[in-house]
Amino acid sequence: MPDLFADLTFALTLALGETGRRDSNLDRAKILMDSCTKFVSPAGRREFLVVTRPQVLSKVQRNL
């Protein structure tokens, strides 16, 4: 039986503002990444792609 969680690529769109919500997607992204490292083996994580606006890229890089 094939491993359904082998060689996964994750894609995350990340906004830090202008979403209509009071909080930042950055907080939720940290929780998501913690869950990913807890429940998906390192062998199963091929790539984790983060898509964000160029204006906030350096902040996202520092925080993730």
PDB file of N, CA and C in Angstrom:
ATOM      1  N   MET A   1       0.847  -1.179   0.000  1.00  0.00           N
ATOM      2  CA  MET A   1       0.000   0.000   0.000  1.00  0.00           C
ATOM      3  C   MET A   1       0.900   1.253   0.000  1.00  0.00           C
ATOM      4  N   PRO A   2       0.660   2.202  -0.888  1.00  0.00           N
ATOM      5  CA  PRO A   2       1.501   3.402  -0.952  1.00  0.00           C
ATOM      6  C   PRO A   2       1.270   4.307   0.253  1.00  0.00           C
ATOM      7  N   ASP A   3       2.316   5.028   0.626  1.00  0.00           N
ATOM      8  CA  ASP A   3       2.224   6.001   1.706  1.00  0.00           C
ATOM      9  C   ASP A   3       1.585   7.277   1.158  1.00  0.00           C
ATOM     10  N   LEU A   4       0.394   7.607   1.632  1.00  0.00           N
ATOM     11  CA  LEU A   4      -0.327   8.768   1.119  1.00  0.00           C
ATOM     12  C   LEU A   4       0.311  10.088   1.527  1.00  0.00           C
ATOM     13  N   PHE A   5       1.169  10.059   2.545  1.00  0.00           N
ATOM     14  CA  PHE A   5       1.796  11.281   3.034  1.00  0.00           C
ATOM     15  C   PHE A   5       3.270  11.359   2.663  1.00  0.00           C
ATOM     16  N   ALA A   6       3.670  10.670   1.626  1.00  0.00           N
ATOM     17  CA  ALA A   6       5.058  10.718   1.186  1.00  0.00           C
ATOM     18  C   ALA A   6       5.239  11.808   0.144  1.00  0.00           C
ATOM     19  N   ASP A   7       6.330  12.538   0.267  1.00  0.00           N
ATOM     20  CA  ASP A   7       6.739  13.499  -0.749  1.00  0.00           C
ATOM     21  C   ASP A   7       5.696  14.597  -0.987  1.00  0.00           C
ATOM     22  N   LEU A   8       5.231  15.223   0.084  1.00  0.00           N
ATOM     23  CA  LEU A   8       4.218  16.270  -0.029  1.00  0.00           C
ATOM     24  C   LEU A   8       4.841  17.636  -0.253  1.00  0.00           C
ATOM     25  N   THR A   9       4.161  18.452  -1.024  1.00  0.00           N
ATOM     26  CA  THR A   9       4.501  19.854  -1.164  1.00  0.00           C
ATOM     27  C   THR A   9       3.344  20.658  -0.589  1.00  0.00           C
ATOM     28  N   PHE A  10       3.659  21.535   0.338  1.00  0.00           N
ATOM     29  CA  PHE A  10       2.647  22.384   0.960  1.00  0.00           C
ATOM     30  C   PHE A  10       2.743  23.776   0.360  1.00  0.00           C
ATOM     31  N   ALA A  11       1.610  24.409   0.146  1.00  0.00           N
ATOM     32  CA  ALA A  11       1.576  25.790  -0.339  1.00  0.00           C
ATOM     33  C   ALA A  11       0.701  26.596   0.604  1.00  0.00           C
ATOM     34  N   LEU A  12       1.234  27.718   1.055  1.00  0.00           N
ATOM     35  CA  LEU A  12       0.536  28.547   2.026  1.00  0.00           C
ATOM     36  C   LEU A  12       0.513  29.981   1.521  1.00  0.00           C
ATOM     37  N   THR A  13      -0.680  30.540   1.373  1.00  0.00           N
ATOM     38  CA  THR A  13      -0.784  31.968   1.070  1.00  0.00           C
ATOM     39  C   THR A  13      -0.854  32.694   2.405  1.00  0.00           C
ATOM     40  N   LEU A  14      -0.063  33.729   2.536  1.00  0.00           N
ATOM     41  CA  LEU A  14       0.090  34.376   3.833  1.00  0.00           C
ATOM     42  C   LEU A  14      -0.057  35.885   3.690  1.00  0.00           C
ATOM     43  N   ALA A  15      -1.057  36.437   4.386  1.00  0.00           N
ATOM     44  CA  ALA A  15      -1.276  37.884   4.399  1.00  0.00           C
ATOM     45  C   ALA A  15      -1.073  38.394   5.821  1.00  0.00           C
ATOM     46  N   LEU A  16      -0.423  39.525   5.949  1.00  0.00           N
ATOM     47  CA  LEU A  16      -0.186  40.095   7.276  1.00  0.00           C
ATOM     48  C   LEU A  16      -1.151  41.217   7.608  1.00  0.00           C
ATOM     49  N   GLY A  17      -1.908  41.635   6.672  1.00  0.00           N
ATOM     50  CA  GLY A  17      -2.876  42.701   6.900  1.00  0.00           C
ATOM     51  C   GLY A  17      -3.842  42.785   5.740  1.00  0.00           C
ATOM     52  N   GLU A  18      -4.767  43.698   5.859  1.00  0.00           N
ATOM     53  CA  GLU A  18      -5.755  43.945   4.805  1.00  0.00           C
ATOM     54  C   GLU A  18      -6.579  42.710   4.462  1.00  0.00           C
ATOM     55  N   THR A  19      -6.845  41.883   5.477  1.00  0.00           N
ATOM     56  CA  THR A  19      -7.652  40.689   5.244  1.00  0.00           C
ATOM     57  C   THR A  19      -9.065  40.832   5.795  1.00  0.00           C
ATOM     58  N   GLY A  20      -9.315  41.907   6.550  1.00  0.00           N
ATOM     59  CA  GLY A  20     -10.615  42.071   7.191  1.00  0.00           C
ATOM     60  C   GLY A  20     -10.679  41.393   8.551  1.00  0.00           C
ATOM     61  N   ARG A  21      -9.602  40.731   8.943  1.00  0.00           N
ATOM     62  CA  ARG A  21      -9.536  40.087  10.263  1.00  0.00           C
ATOM     63  C   ARG A  21      -8.667  40.924  11.183  1.00  0.00           C
ATOM     64  N   ARG A  22      -8.891  40.772  12.477  1.00  0.00           N
ATOM     65  CA  ARG A  22      -8.115  41.532  13.449  1.00  0.00           C
ATOM     66  C   ARG A  22      -6.716  40.963  13.637  1.00  0.00           C
ATOM     67  N   ASP A  23      -6.558  39.663  13.446  1.00  0.00           N
ATOM     68  CA  ASP A  23      -5.264  39.039  13.697  1.00  0.00           C
ATOM     69  C   ASP A  23      -4.491  38.817  12.403  1.00  0.00           C
ATOM     70  N   SER A  24      -3.272  38.383  12.550  1.00  0.00           N
ATOM     71  CA  SER A  24      -2.385  38.176  11.408  1.00  0.00           C
ATOM     72  C   SER A  24      -2.368  36.713  11.001  1.00  0.00           C
ATOM     73  N   ASN A  25      -2.277  36.455   9.723  1.00  0.00           N
ATOM     74  CA  ASN A  25      -2.128  35.080   9.252  1.00  0.00           C
ATOM     75  C   ASN A  25      -0.806  34.471   9.719  1.00  0.00           C
ATOM     76  N   LEU A  26       0.136  35.300  10.108  1.00  0.00           N
ATOM     77  CA  LEU A  26       1.431  34.823  10.569  1.00  0.00           C
ATOM     78  C   LEU A  26       1.282  33.943  11.810  1.00  0.00           C
ATOM     79  N   ASP A  27       0.405  34.323  12.716  1.00  0.00           N
ATOM     80  CA  ASP A  27       0.165  33.515  13.913  1.00  0.00           C
ATOM     81  C   ASP A  27      -0.388  32.137  13.541  1.00  0.00           C
ATOM     82  N   ARG A  28      -1.333  32.114  12.625  1.00  0.00           N
ATOM     83  CA  ARG A  28      -1.904  30.838  12.190  1.00  0.00           C
ATOM     84  C   ARG A  28      -0.881  30.013  11.418  1.00  0.00           C
ATOM     85  N   ALA A  29      -0.009  30.672  10.665  1.00  0.00           N
ATOM     86  CA  ALA A  29       1.020  29.955   9.908  1.00  0.00           C
ATOM     87  C   ALA A  29       1.983  29.228  10.851  1.00  0.00           C
ATOM     88  N   LYS A  30       2.326  29.861  11.954  1.00  0.00           N
ATOM     89  CA  LYS A  30       3.208  29.227  12.933  1.00  0.00           C
ATOM     90  C   LYS A  30       2.559  27.961  13.494  1.00  0.00           C
ATOM     91  N   ILE A  31       1.271  28.028  13.796  1.00  0.00           N
ATOM     92  CA  ILE A  31       0.544  26.860  14.298  1.00  0.00           C
ATOM     93  C   ILE A  31       0.509  25.770  13.237  1.00  0.00           C
ATOM     94  N   LEU A  32       0.245  26.152  11.997  1.00  0.00           N
ATOM     95  CA  LEU A  32       0.213  25.184  10.901  1.00  0.00           C
ATOM     96  C   LEU A  32       1.561  24.492  10.727  1.00  0.00           C
ATOM     97  N   MET A  33       2.636  25.260  10.780  1.00  0.00           N
ATOM     98  CA  MET A  33       3.968  24.667  10.614  1.00  0.00           C
ATOM     99  C   MET A  33       4.315  23.747  11.788  1.00  0.00           C
ATOM    100  N   ASP A  34       3.918  24.116  12.997  1.00  0.00           N
ATOM    101  CA  ASP A  34       4.130  23.238  14.151  1.00  0.00           C
ATOM    102  C   ASP A  34       3.393  21.910  13.953  1.00  0.00           C
ATOM    103  N   SER A  35       2.154  21.988  13.478  1.00  0.00           N
ATOM    104  CA  SER A  35       1.380  20.767  13.223  1.00  0.00           C
ATOM    105  C   SER A  35       2.019  19.925  12.136  1.00  0.00           C
ATOM    106  N   CYS A  36       2.502  20.584  11.112  1.00  0.00           N
ATOM    107  CA  CYS A  36       3.138  19.879  10.000  1.00  0.00           C
ATOM    108  C   CYS A  36       4.366  19.113  10.485  1.00  0.00           C
ATOM    109  N   THR A  37       5.199  19.758  11.293  1.00  0.00           N
ATOM    110  CA  THR A  37       6.399  19.075  11.770  1.00  0.00           C
ATOM    111  C   THR A  37       6.059  17.979  12.766  1.00  0.00           C
ATOM    112  N   LYS A  38       4.931  18.107  13.445  1.00  0.00           N
ATOM    113  CA  LYS A  38       4.527  17.091  14.421  1.00  0.00           C
ATOM    114  C   LYS A  38       3.910  15.862  13.747  1.00  0.00           C
ATOM    115  N   PHE A  39       3.089  16.083  12.729  1.00  0.00           N
ATOM    116  CA  PHE A  39       2.294  14.984  12.179  1.00  0.00           C
ATOM    117  C   PHE A  39       2.765  14.449  10.826  1.00  0.00           C
ATOM    118  N   VAL A  40       3.661  15.142  10.147  1.00  0.00           N
ATOM    119  CA  VAL A  40       4.164  14.665   8.859  1.00  0.00           C
ATOM    120  C   VAL A  40       5.661  14.419   9.014  1.00  0.00           C
ATOM    121  N   SER A  41       6.085  13.222   8.711  1.00  0.00           N
ATOM    122  CA  SER A  41       7.497  12.882   8.885  1.00  0.00           C
ATOM    123  C   SER A  41       8.377  13.730   7.973  1.00  0.00           C
ATOM    124  N   PRO A  42       9.628  13.946   8.365  1.00  0.00           N
ATOM    125  CA  PRO A  42      10.533  14.729   7.514  1.00  0.00           C
ATOM    126  C   PRO A  42      10.647  14.167   6.092  1.00  0.00           C
ATOM    127  N   ALA A  43      10.585  12.863   5.964  1.00  0.00           N
ATOM    128  CA  ALA A  43      10.665  12.252   4.638  1.00  0.00           C
ATOM    129  C   ALA A  43       9.445  12.605   3.788  1.00  0.00           C
ATOM    130  N   GLY A  44       8.331  12.898   4.426  1.00  0.00           N
ATOM    131  CA  GLY A  44       7.106  13.222   3.704  1.00  0.00           C
ATOM    132  C   GLY A  44       6.994  14.668   3.289  1.00  0.00           C
ATOM    133  N   ARG A  45       7.830  15.534   3.865  1.00  0.00           N
ATOM    134  CA  ARG A  45       7.767  16.966   3.562  1.00  0.00           C
ATOM    135  C   ARG A  45       8.783  17.307   2.487  1.00  0.00           C
ATOM    136  N   ARG A  46       8.313  17.439   1.273  1.00  0.00           N
ATOM    137  CA  ARG A  46       9.216  17.764   0.167  1.00  0.00           C
ATOM    138  C   ARG A  46       9.517  19.255   0.120  1.00  0.00           C
ATOM    139  N   GLU A  47       8.455  20.060   0.100  1.00  0.00           N
ATOM    140  CA  GLU A  47       8.605  21.509   0.011  1.00  0.00           C
ATOM    141  C   GLU A  47       7.506  22.171   0.827  1.00  0.00           C
ATOM    142  N   PHE A  48       7.813  23.355   1.311  1.00  0.00           N
ATOM    143  CA  PHE A  48       6.802  24.183   1.962  1.00  0.00           C
ATOM    144  C   PHE A  48       6.907  25.560   1.312  1.00  0.00           C
ATOM    145  N   LEU A  49       5.984  25.861   0.420  1.00  0.00           N
ATOM    146  CA  LEU A  49       6.002  27.106  -0.341  1.00  0.00           C
ATOM    147  C   LEU A  49       5.125  28.149   0.350  1.00  0.00           C
ATOM    148  N   VAL A  50       5.668  29.321   0.558  1.00  0.00           N
ATOM    149  CA  VAL A  50       4.926  30.409   1.172  1.00  0.00           C
ATOM    150  C   VAL A  50       4.791  31.529   0.147  1.00  0.00           C
ATOM    151  N   VAL A  51       3.561  31.942  -0.094  1.00  0.00           N
ATOM    152  CA  VAL A  51       3.274  33.013  -1.051  1.00  0.00           C
ATOM    153  C   VAL A  51       2.759  34.206  -0.255  1.00  0.00           C
ATOM    154  N   THR A  52       3.452  35.335  -0.420  1.00  0.00           N
ATOM    155  CA  THR A  52       3.055  36.546   0.289  1.00  0.00           C
ATOM    156  C   THR A  52       3.406  37.770  -0.545  1.00  0.00           C
ATOM    157  N   ARG A  53       2.984  38.917  -0.093  1.00  0.00           N
ATOM    158  CA  ARG A  53       3.262  40.164  -0.806  1.00  0.00           C
ATOM    159  C   ARG A  53       4.730  40.549  -0.630  1.00  0.00           C
ATOM    160  N   PRO A  54       5.353  41.098  -1.650  1.00  0.00           N
ATOM    161  CA  PRO A  54       6.764  41.487  -1.552  1.00  0.00           C
ATOM    162  C   PRO A  54       7.036  42.454  -0.402  1.00  0.00           C
ATOM    163  N   GLN A  55       6.065  43.301  -0.078  1.00  0.00           N
ATOM    164  CA  GLN A  55       6.253  44.304   0.966  1.00  0.00           C
ATOM    165  C   GLN A  55       6.443  43.692   2.359  1.00  0.00           C
ATOM    166  N   VAL A  56       5.988  42.472   2.562  1.00  0.00           N
ATOM    167  CA  VAL A  56       6.086  41.850   3.895  1.00  0.00           C
ATOM    168  C   VAL A  56       7.008  40.635   3.897  1.00  0.00           C
ATOM    169  N   LEU A  57       7.667  40.389   2.797  1.00  0.00           N
ATOM    170  CA  LEU A  57       8.496  39.189   2.668  1.00  0.00           C
ATOM    171  C   LEU A  57       9.566  39.086   3.757  1.00  0.00           C
ATOM    172  N   SER A  58      10.276  40.161   4.035  1.00  0.00           N
ATOM    173  CA  SER A  58      11.342  40.078   5.038  1.00  0.00           C
ATOM    174  C   SER A  58      10.778  39.763   6.423  1.00  0.00           C
ATOM    175  N   LYS A  59       9.631  40.308   6.764  1.00  0.00           N
ATOM    176  CA  LYS A  59       9.015  40.000   8.063  1.00  0.00           C
ATOM    177  C   LYS A  59       8.599  38.530   8.135  1.00  0.00           C
ATOM    178  N   VAL A  60       8.028  38.026   7.057  1.00  0.00           N
ATOM    179  CA  VAL A  60       7.628  36.620   7.013  1.00  0.00           C
ATOM    180  C   VAL A  60       8.848  35.715   7.145  1.00  0.00           C
ATOM    181  N   GLN A  61       9.916  36.039   6.436  1.00  0.00           N
ATOM    182  CA  GLN A  61      11.138  35.239   6.520  1.00  0.00           C
ATOM    183  C   GLN A  61      11.695  35.225   7.941  1.00  0.00           C
ATOM    184  N   ARG A  62      11.720  36.357   8.607  1.00  0.00           N
ATOM    185  CA  ARG A  62      12.232  36.425   9.979  1.00  0.00           C
ATOM    186  C   ARG A  62      11.402  35.601  10.947  1.00  0.00           C
ATOM    187  N   ASN A  63      10.093  35.577  10.734  1.00  0.00           N
ATOM    188  CA  ASN A  63       9.198  34.922  11.685  1.00  0.00           C
ATOM    189  C   ASN A  63       8.990  33.438  11.435  1.00  0.00           C
ATOM    190  N   LEU A  64       9.191  33.000  10.218  1.00  0.00           N
ATOM    191  CA  LEU A  64       8.992  31.578   9.944  1.00  0.00           C
ATOM    192  C   LEU A  64      10.317  30.848   9.844  1.00  0.00           C
TER     193      LEU A  64
END
